[in-house]
């Protein structure tokens, strides 16, 4: 056990002995002072006294061990030790992970992501960005009381890319949920590895400029493909090109039209996109190229 403590705390034998002595004497001092403080309050021994004793001990223990650590030469060890404890205690108090959604149309994927995280206190959809005034996704933003930002092409591509505004929301992830503009390099560089997109086909097929919505589905049908699906990928400086995170497939039948194929693909999008967003925020790796 002592050897494990030495490795864990990265100390030698002498330092370990001094640390253990500090813990012991600091605890004894803490107990002594705790009883003295409670005697001043004149609380009868019982449940209230025990509760007060534990509370007082918890408050004064860090000061007691720091005080004892000074003559033992272990002040910096205990300072760092207590700092780590404080950081762990405050992890649950951190701000929720921030998602910014980019969308150009009706926003069905945006709505599914919002619904998925509605009761999740650790994740927040903090902003919806749209390049089309009057798009349905803006109505979703208003209904859900989520701030929205309408962007214009000149500032987005050749200006500051709206970075000062986006930075205010401190995004942990930017999700392109049906956003039709190419993302400028300045924005990609500002959030490396934090921008993902969903494409309604199995990339690298049927990607690139102009390949969106019904154009993709019609191209798949015209080519006689037997399957289509979705590709969720990281965004780089090329259209529909970044590293694949997840692919899911659906069958294409002889009876399919662009409309019926779109319905199949939308089902895949609505099922898998919110889950992948959650996995990325948790630091998990989504399954790549799985079969539906």
Foldseek 3Di string as FASTA:
>chain_A
DLVVVCVVLVHDPLVSVLLVVLLVQLLVVLLVVLVVVVVVVVDDDDPVSVVSSVVSSVVCSLVSSLVSCVVSVCNVSSVVVVVVVVVVVCPVVDQAAEEEEEAEALCPLVVLLCVVCVPPRRYDDAEYEYQDPPHNVVVVCVVVVHHYYHDYDCCCAPNQVCVVVVVVRVHQAYEYEHHQDQHHQNVCVVHPPRYKYKAFWPPPPQWFHPRHQLNSLQVCVVVVDQKTEMWMAHHDRGTPDHHTQATEMDTDDPPDHSVVSSVVRVVRSSVPVSVCVVCVVVVHGHDYYDYD
